Amino acid sequence: MTIQKGSVVRALAGRDKDGFFVVLGVEGSYALIADGKRRRIQSPKRKKLIHLAPTNTVYQGSIETNPQLRKALREFNGG
C-alpha cells in the first residue's frame, strides 16, 4: 500500500516510534505527519517515507482541527 494524503501510518523509527499519525501531505521522499497532540496540524513532523509503515486506513474527508485528528486516531491508539 502506498502512503498518500489522509493515510494513517505507524512510525518505525525515531522518538515517535510505534506512534500512529495521519499524513497531511507528501513531498518527494518525505511525508508531513501529525497526531493532534504531540505534533499538531500547525507544525507537522517531516519524516522519511522509509520510516513509516502504512495501515489499511485512508481518511477521505478533511481533518481541519487537532481534536478531529485525535478522534480519527483514537481507535489506533487504544482509546
PDB file of N, CA and C in Angstrom:
ATOM      1  N   MET A   1       0.844  -1.179   0.000  1.00  0.00           N
ATOM      2  CA  MET A   1       0.000   0.000   0.000  1.00  0.00           C
ATOM      3  C   MET A   1       0.887   1.239   0.000  1.00  0.00           C
ATOM      4  N   THR A   2       0.505   2.222  -0.752  1.00  0.00           N
ATOM      5  CA  THR A   2       1.294   3.439  -0.832  1.00  0.00           C
ATOM      6  C   THR A   2       0.822   4.445   0.200  1.00  0.00           C
ATOM      7  N   ILE A   3       1.715   5.336   0.562  1.00  0.00           N
ATOM      8  CA  ILE A   3       1.406   6.382   1.515  1.00  0.00           C
ATOM      9  C   ILE A   3       0.961   7.610   0.738  1.00  0.00           C
ATOM     10  N   GLN A   4      -0.224   8.116   1.074  1.00  0.00           N
ATOM     11  CA  GLN A   4      -0.794   9.277   0.403  1.00  0.00           C
ATOM     12  C   GLN A   4      -1.423  10.185   1.447  1.00  0.00           C
ATOM     13  N   LYS A   5      -1.886  11.332   1.022  1.00  0.00           N
ATOM     14  CA  LYS A   5      -2.533  12.269   1.928  1.00  0.00           C
ATOM     15  C   LYS A   5      -3.772  11.613   2.532  1.00  0.00           C
ATOM     16  N   GLY A   6      -3.883  11.673   3.858  1.00  0.00           N
ATOM     17  CA  GLY A   6      -5.007  11.070   4.559  1.00  0.00           C
ATOM     18  C   GLY A   6      -4.722   9.686   5.100  1.00  0.00           C
ATOM     19  N   SER A   7      -3.588   9.079   4.741  1.00  0.00           N
ATOM     20  CA  SER A   7      -3.246   7.744   5.217  1.00  0.00           C
ATOM     21  C   SER A   7      -2.913   7.768   6.701  1.00  0.00           C
ATOM     22  N   VAL A   8      -3.302   6.705   7.395  1.00  0.00           N
ATOM     23  CA  VAL A   8      -2.871   6.514   8.773  1.00  0.00           C
ATOM     24  C   VAL A   8      -1.620   5.654   8.715  1.00  0.00           C
ATOM     25  N   VAL A   9      -0.554   6.113   9.364  1.00  0.00           N
ATOM     26  CA  VAL A   9       0.730   5.413   9.326  1.00  0.00           C
ATOM     27  C   VAL A   9       1.245   5.199  10.737  1.00  0.00           C
ATOM     28  N   ARG A  10       2.151   4.232  10.875  1.00  0.00           N
ATOM     29  CA  ARG A  10       2.838   3.969  12.139  1.00  0.00           C
ATOM     30  C   ARG A  10       4.305   4.292  11.944  1.00  0.00           C
ATOM     31  N   ALA A  11       4.876   5.035  12.891  1.00  0.00           N
ATOM     32  CA  ALA A  11       6.291   5.400  12.807  1.00  0.00           C
ATOM     33  C   ALA A  11       7.144   4.192  13.177  1.00  0.00           C
ATOM     34  N   LEU A  12       8.168   3.932  12.371  1.00  0.00           N
ATOM     35  CA  LEU A  12       9.062   2.795  12.592  1.00  0.00           C
ATOM     36  C   LEU A  12      10.369   3.195  13.266  1.00  0.00           C
ATOM     37  N   ALA A  13      10.692   4.477  13.284  1.00  0.00           N
ATOM     38  CA  ALA A  13      11.974   4.923  13.832  1.00  0.00           C
ATOM     39  C   ALA A  13      11.810   6.298  14.474  1.00  0.00           C
ATOM     40  N   GLY A  14      12.762   6.620  15.332  1.00  0.00           N
ATOM     41  CA  GLY A  14      12.765   7.932  15.967  1.00  0.00           C
ATOM     42  C   GLY A  14      12.098   7.913  17.331  1.00  0.00           C
ATOM     43  N   ARG A  15      12.023   9.067  17.959  1.00  0.00           N
ATOM     44  CA  ARG A  15      11.420   9.133  19.294  1.00  0.00           C
ATOM     45  C   ARG A  15       9.919   8.927  19.258  1.00  0.00           C
ATOM     46  N   ASP A  16       9.307   9.025  18.088  1.00  0.00           N
ATOM     47  CA  ASP A  16       7.884   8.773  17.959  1.00  0.00           C
ATOM     48  C   ASP A  16       7.590   7.363  17.447  1.00  0.00           C
ATOM     49  N   LYS A  17       8.553   6.443  17.613  1.00  0.00           N
ATOM     50  CA  LYS A  17       8.433   5.067  17.151  1.00  0.00           C
ATOM     51  C   LYS A  17       7.175   4.412  17.736  1.00  0.00           C
ATOM     52  N   ASP A  18       6.466   3.652  16.890  1.00  0.00           N
ATOM     53  CA  ASP A  18       5.246   2.918  17.232  1.00  0.00           C
ATOM     54  C   ASP A  18       4.037   3.813  17.464  1.00  0.00           C
ATOM     55  N   GLY A  19       4.153   5.108  17.199  1.00  0.00           N
ATOM     56  CA  GLY A  19       3.008   6.003  17.295  1.00  0.00           C
ATOM     57  C   GLY A  19       2.260   6.051  15.971  1.00  0.00           C
ATOM     58  N   PHE A  20       0.968   6.341  16.044  1.00  0.00           N
ATOM     59  CA  PHE A  20       0.146   6.434  14.834  1.00  0.00           C
ATOM     60  C   PHE A  20      -0.079   7.901  14.482  1.00  0.00           C
ATOM     61  N   PHE A  21      -0.023   8.198  13.188  1.00  0.00           N
ATOM     62  CA  PHE A  21      -0.131   9.554  12.679  1.00  0.00           C
ATOM     63  C   PHE A  21      -0.969   9.560  11.412  1.00  0.00           C
ATOM     64  N   VAL A  22      -1.467  10.738  11.049  1.00  0.00           N
ATOM     65  CA  VAL A  22      -2.158  10.930   9.772  1.00  0.00           C
ATOM     66  C   VAL A  22      -1.236  11.738   8.875  1.00  0.00           C
ATOM     67  N   VAL A  23      -1.121  11.336   7.622  1.00  0.00           N
ATOM     68  CA  VAL A  23      -0.285  12.032   6.654  1.00  0.00           C
ATOM     69  C   VAL A  23      -1.053  13.256   6.147  1.00  0.00           C
ATOM     70  N   LEU A  24      -0.463  14.429   6.326  1.00  0.00           N
ATOM     71  CA  LEU A  24      -1.077  15.679   5.873  1.00  0.00           C
ATOM     72  C   LEU A  24      -0.626  16.058   4.467  1.00  0.00           C
ATOM     73  N   GLY A  25       0.493  15.499   4.029  1.00  0.00           N
ATOM     74  CA  GLY A  25       0.998  15.781   2.689  1.00  0.00           C
ATOM     75  C   GLY A  25       2.241  14.962   2.421  1.00  0.00           C
ATOM     76  N   VAL A  26       2.588  14.828   1.157  1.00  0.00           N
ATOM     77  CA  VAL A  26       3.783  14.090   0.745  1.00  0.00           C
ATOM     78  C   VAL A  26       4.617  15.015  -0.124  1.00  0.00           C
ATOM     79  N   GLU A  27       5.912  15.135   0.217  1.00  0.00           N
ATOM     80  CA  GLU A  27       6.851  15.975  -0.533  1.00  0.00           C
ATOM     81  C   GLU A  27       8.052  15.126  -0.935  1.00  0.00           C
ATOM     82  N   GLY A  28       8.030  14.584  -2.110  1.00  0.00           N
ATOM     83  CA  GLY A  28       9.137  13.749  -2.583  1.00  0.00           C
ATOM     84  C   GLY A  28       9.249  12.483  -1.755  1.00  0.00           C
ATOM     85  N   SER A  29      10.379  12.309  -1.045  1.00  0.00           N
ATOM     86  CA  SER A  29      10.567  11.112  -0.217  1.00  0.00           C
ATOM     87  C   SER A  29      10.249  11.386   1.247  1.00  0.00           C
ATOM     88  N   TYR A  30       9.541  12.465   1.522  1.00  0.00           N
ATOM     89  CA  TYR A  30       9.157  12.829   2.881  1.00  0.00           C
ATOM     90  C   TYR A  30       7.643  12.945   2.994  1.00  0.00           C
ATOM     91  N   ALA A  31       7.144  12.697   4.203  1.00  0.00           N
ATOM     92  CA  ALA A  31       5.723  12.890   4.491  1.00  0.00           C
ATOM     93  C   ALA A  31       5.607  13.863   5.644  1.00  0.00           C
ATOM     94  N   LEU A  32       4.560  14.662   5.636  1.00  0.00           N
ATOM     95  CA  LEU A  32       4.244  15.558   6.742  1.00  0.00           C
ATOM     96  C   LEU A  32       3.182  14.863   7.574  1.00  0.00           C
ATOM     97  N   ILE A  33       3.515  14.554   8.850  1.00  0.00           N
ATOM     98  CA  ILE A  33       2.610  13.784   9.690  1.00  0.00           C
ATOM     99  C   ILE A  33       2.256  14.562  10.946  1.00  0.00           C
ATOM    100  N   ALA A  34       1.077  14.264  11.498  1.00  0.00           N
ATOM    101  CA  ALA A  34       0.622  14.896  12.731  1.00  0.00           C
ATOM    102  C   ALA A  34      -0.290  13.922  13.461  1.00  0.00           C
ATOM    103  N   ASP A  35      -0.341  14.059  14.797  1.00  0.00           N
ATOM    104  CA  ASP A  35      -1.247  13.236  15.595  1.00  0.00           C
ATOM    105  C   ASP A  35      -2.220  14.065  16.419  1.00  0.00           C
ATOM    106  N   GLY A  36      -2.103  15.383  16.384  1.00  0.00           N
ATOM    107  CA  GLY A  36      -3.035  16.250  17.081  1.00  0.00           C
ATOM    108  C   GLY A  36      -2.681  16.529  18.523  1.00  0.00           C
ATOM    109  N   LYS A  37      -1.694  15.824  19.057  1.00  0.00           N
ATOM    110  CA  LYS A  37      -1.305  16.036  20.457  1.00  0.00           C
ATOM    111  C   LYS A  37       0.142  16.493  20.544  1.00  0.00           C
ATOM    112  N   ARG A  38       1.070  15.571  20.289  1.00  0.00           N
ATOM    113  CA  ARG A  38       2.496  15.946  20.308  1.00  0.00           C
ATOM    114  C   ARG A  38       2.870  16.741  19.070  1.00  0.00           C
ATOM    115  N   ARG A  39       2.317  16.329  17.936  1.00  0.00           N
ATOM    116  CA  ARG A  39       2.546  17.021  16.669  1.00  0.00           C
ATOM    117  C   ARG A  39       1.224  17.545  16.179  1.00  0.00           C
ATOM    118  N   ARG A  40       1.074  18.846  16.204  1.00  0.00           N
ATOM    119  CA  ARG A  40      -0.175  19.495  15.834  1.00  0.00           C
ATOM    120  C   ARG A  40      -0.236  19.734  14.323  1.00  0.00           C
ATOM    121  N   ILE A  41      -1.415  20.033  13.850  1.00  0.00           N
ATOM    122  CA  ILE A  41      -1.613  20.307  12.425  1.00  0.00           C
ATOM    123  C   ILE A  41      -0.818  21.537  12.000  1.00  0.00           C
ATOM    124  N   GLN A  42      -0.673  22.514  12.902  1.00  0.00           N
ATOM    125  CA  GLN A  42       0.025  23.754  12.574  1.00  0.00           C
ATOM    126  C   GLN A  42       1.528  23.542  12.379  1.00  0.00           C
ATOM    127  N   SER A  43       2.091  22.509  13.009  1.00  0.00           N
ATOM    128  CA  SER A  43       3.525  22.238  12.870  1.00  0.00           C
ATOM    129  C   SER A  43       3.763  20.736  12.714  1.00  0.00           C
ATOM    130  N   PRO A  44       3.465  20.191  11.529  1.00  0.00           N
ATOM    131  CA  PRO A  44       3.621  18.745  11.331  1.00  0.00           C
ATOM    132  C   PRO A  44       5.084  18.326  11.278  1.00  0.00           C
ATOM    133  N   LYS A  45       5.303  17.053  11.582  1.00  0.00           N
ATOM    134  CA  LYS A  45       6.636  16.458  11.545  1.00  0.00           C
ATOM    135  C   LYS A  45       6.959  16.035  10.120  1.00  0.00           C
ATOM    136  N   ARG A  46       8.140  16.331   9.668  1.00  0.00           N
ATOM    137  CA  ARG A  46       8.618  15.914   8.343  1.00  0.00           C
ATOM    138  C   ARG A  46       9.406  14.628   8.548  1.00  0.00           C
ATOM    139  N   LYS A  47       8.936  13.530   7.973  1.00  0.00           N
ATOM    140  CA  LYS A  47       9.550  12.227   8.216  1.00  0.00           C
ATOM    141  C   LYS A  47       9.728  11.486   6.894  1.00  0.00           C
ATOM    142  N   LYS A  48      10.845  10.769   6.768  1.00  0.00           N
ATOM    143  CA  LYS A  48      11.102   9.990   5.556  1.00  0.00           C
ATOM    144  C   LYS A  48      10.092   8.860   5.427  1.00  0.00           C
ATOM    145  N   LEU A  49       9.709   8.594   4.183  1.00  0.00           N
ATOM    146  CA  LEU A  49       8.718   7.559   3.916  1.00  0.00           C
ATOM    147  C   LEU A  49       9.190   6.171   4.333  1.00  0.00           C
ATOM    148  N   ILE A  50      10.502   5.923   4.281  1.00  0.00           N
ATOM    149  CA  ILE A  50      11.004   4.596   4.661  1.00  0.00           C
ATOM    150  C   ILE A  50      10.874   4.344   6.159  1.00  0.00           C
ATOM    151  N   HIS A  51      10.635   5.388   6.949  1.00  0.00           N
ATOM    152  CA  HIS A  51      10.467   5.254   8.393  1.00  0.00           C
ATOM    153  C   HIS A  51       9.005   5.180   8.796  1.00  0.00           C
ATOM    154  N   LEU A  52       8.118   4.988   7.825  1.00  0.00           N
ATOM    155  CA  LEU A  52       6.686   4.910   8.093  1.00  0.00           C
ATOM    156  C   LEU A  52       6.115   3.615   7.530  1.00  0.00           C
ATOM    157  N   ALA A  53       5.209   3.009   8.290  1.00  0.00           N
ATOM    158  CA  ALA A  53       4.513   1.806   7.839  1.00  0.00           C
ATOM    159  C   ALA A  53       3.043   2.156   7.623  1.00  0.00           C
ATOM    160  N   PRO A  54       2.524   1.985   6.408  1.00  0.00           N
ATOM    161  CA  PRO A  54       1.128   2.332   6.155  1.00  0.00           C
ATOM    162  C   PRO A  54       0.177   1.314   6.772  1.00  0.00           C
ATOM    163  N   THR A  55      -1.001   1.773   7.161  1.00  0.00           N
ATOM    164  CA  THR A  55      -2.083   0.878   7.567  1.00  0.00           C
ATOM    165  C   THR A  55      -3.064   0.812   6.402  1.00  0.00           C
ATOM    166  N   ASN A  56      -4.146   0.106   6.580  1.00  0.00           N
ATOM    167  CA  ASN A  56      -5.133  -0.019   5.505  1.00  0.00           C
ATOM    168  C   ASN A  56      -6.178   1.089   5.544  1.00  0.00           C
ATOM    169  N   THR A  57      -5.978   2.102   6.386  1.00  0.00           N
ATOM    170  CA  THR A  57      -6.969   3.160   6.555  1.00  0.00           C
ATOM    171  C   THR A  57      -6.516   4.438   5.876  1.00  0.00           C
ATOM    172  N   VAL A  58      -7.422   5.032   5.094  1.00  0.00           N
ATOM    173  CA  VAL A  58      -7.189   6.329   4.469  1.00  0.00           C
ATOM    174  C   VAL A  58      -8.441   7.163   4.705  1.00  0.00           C
ATOM    175  N   TYR A  59      -8.265   8.346   5.302  1.00  0.00           N
ATOM    176  CA  TYR A  59      -9.386   9.242   5.546  1.00  0.00           C
ATOM    177  C   TYR A  59      -9.614  10.112   4.321  1.00  0.00           C
ATOM    178  N   GLN A  60     -10.820  10.037   3.760  1.00  0.00           N
ATOM    179  CA  GLN A  60     -11.155  10.802   2.566  1.00  0.00           C
ATOM    180  C   GLN A  60     -11.637  12.206   2.914  1.00  0.00           C
ATOM    181  N   GLY A  61     -12.292  12.354   4.064  1.00  0.00           N
ATOM    182  CA  GLY A  61     -12.783  13.669   4.463  1.00  0.00           C
ATOM    183  C   GLY A  61     -11.636  14.547   4.928  1.00  0.00           C
ATOM    184  N   SER A  62     -11.950  15.818   5.132  1.00  0.00           N
ATOM    185  CA  SER A  62     -10.902  16.738   5.578  1.00  0.00           C
ATOM    186  C   SER A  62     -10.827  16.751   7.101  1.00  0.00           C
ATOM    187  N   ILE A  63      -9.632  16.706   7.606  1.00  0.00           N
ATOM    188  CA  ILE A  63      -9.377  16.829   9.037  1.00  0.00           C
ATOM    189  C   ILE A  63      -8.729  18.194   9.219  1.00  0.00           C
ATOM    190  N   GLU A  64      -9.469  19.114   9.848  1.00  0.00           N
ATOM    191  CA  GLU A  64      -9.015  20.501   9.917  1.00  0.00           C
ATOM    192  C   GLU A  64      -8.556  20.944  11.284  1.00  0.00           C
ATOM    193  N   THR A  65      -8.964  20.243  12.348  1.00  0.00           N
ATOM    194  CA  THR A  65      -8.588  20.665  13.698  1.00  0.00           C
ATOM    195  C   THR A  65      -7.897  19.522  14.424  1.00  0.00           C
ATOM    196  N   ASN A  66      -7.159  19.872  15.470  1.00  0.00           N
ATOM    197  CA  ASN A  66      -6.455  18.866  16.252  1.00  0.00           C
ATOM    198  C   ASN A  66      -7.409  17.906  16.967  1.00  0.00           C
ATOM    199  N   PRO A  67      -8.550  18.364  17.536  1.00  0.00           N
ATOM    200  CA  PRO A  67      -9.484  17.399  18.127  1.00  0.00           C
ATOM    201  C   PRO A  67     -10.040  16.403  17.118  1.00  0.00           C
ATOM    202  N   GLN A  68     -10.308  16.832  15.892  1.00  0.00           N
ATOM    203  CA  GLN A  68     -10.767  15.905  14.849  1.00  0.00           C
ATOM    204  C   GLN A  68      -9.686  14.871  14.545  1.00  0.00           C
ATOM    205  N   LEU A  69      -8.441  15.313  14.539  1.00  0.00           N
ATOM    206  CA  LEU A  69      -7.320  14.419  14.262  1.00  0.00           C
ATOM    207  C   LEU A  69      -7.164  13.386  15.378  1.00  0.00           C
ATOM    208  N   ARG A  70      -7.250  13.823  16.623  1.00  0.00           N
ATOM    209  CA  ARG A  70      -7.156  12.895  17.758  1.00  0.00           C
ATOM    210  C   ARG A  70      -8.306  11.886  17.739  1.00  0.00           C
ATOM    211  N   LYS A  71      -9.505  12.350  17.387  1.00  0.00           N
ATOM    212  CA  LYS A  71     -10.661  11.460  17.316  1.00  0.00           C
ATOM    213  C   LYS A  71     -10.476  10.425  16.206  1.00  0.00           C
ATOM    214  N   ALA A  72      -9.913  10.831  15.079  1.00  0.00           N
ATOM    215  CA  ALA A  72      -9.674   9.900  13.970  1.00  0.00           C
ATOM    216  C   ALA A  72      -8.663   8.821  14.346  1.00  0.00           C
ATOM    217  N   LEU A  73      -7.704   9.147  15.207  1.00  0.00           N
ATOM    218  CA  LEU A  73      -6.659   8.194  15.595  1.00  0.00           C
ATOM    219  C   LEU A  73      -6.992   7.425  16.867  1.00  0.00           C
ATOM    220  N   ARG A  74      -8.124   7.703  17.482  1.00  0.00           N
ATOM    221  CA  ARG A  74      -8.479   7.089  18.756  1.00  0.00           C
ATOM    222  C   ARG A  74      -8.486   5.565  18.695  1.00  0.00           C
ATOM    223  N   GLU A  75      -9.024   4.981  17.622  1.00  0.00           N
ATOM    224  CA  GLU A  75      -9.100   3.515  17.522  1.00  0.00           C
ATOM    225  C   GLU A  75      -7.711   2.884  17.379  1.00  0.00           C
ATOM    226  N   PHE A  76      -6.740   3.616  16.849  1.00  0.00           N
ATOM    227  CA  PHE A  76      -5.385   3.078  16.688  1.00  0.00           C
ATOM    228  C   PHE A  76      -4.578   3.193  17.981  1.00  0.00           C
ATOM    229  N   ASN A  77      -4.859   4.221  18.785  1.00  0.00           N
ATOM    230  CA  ASN A  77      -4.095   4.457  19.998  1.00  0.00           C
ATOM    231  C   ASN A  77      -4.693   3.789  21.229  1.00  0.00           C
ATOM    232  N   GLY A  78      -5.668   2.914  21.030  1.00  0.00           N
ATOM    233  CA  GLY A  78      -6.219   2.142  22.127  1.00  0.00           C
ATOM    234  C   GLY A  78      -7.213   2.897  22.982  1.00  0.00           C
ATOM    235  N   GLY A  79      -7.821   3.952  22.463  1.00  0.00           N
ATOM    236  CA  GLY A  79      -8.770   4.722  23.270  1.00  0.00           C
ATOM    237  C   GLY A  79     -10.073   4.676  22.691  1.00  0.00           C
TER     238      GLY A  79
END
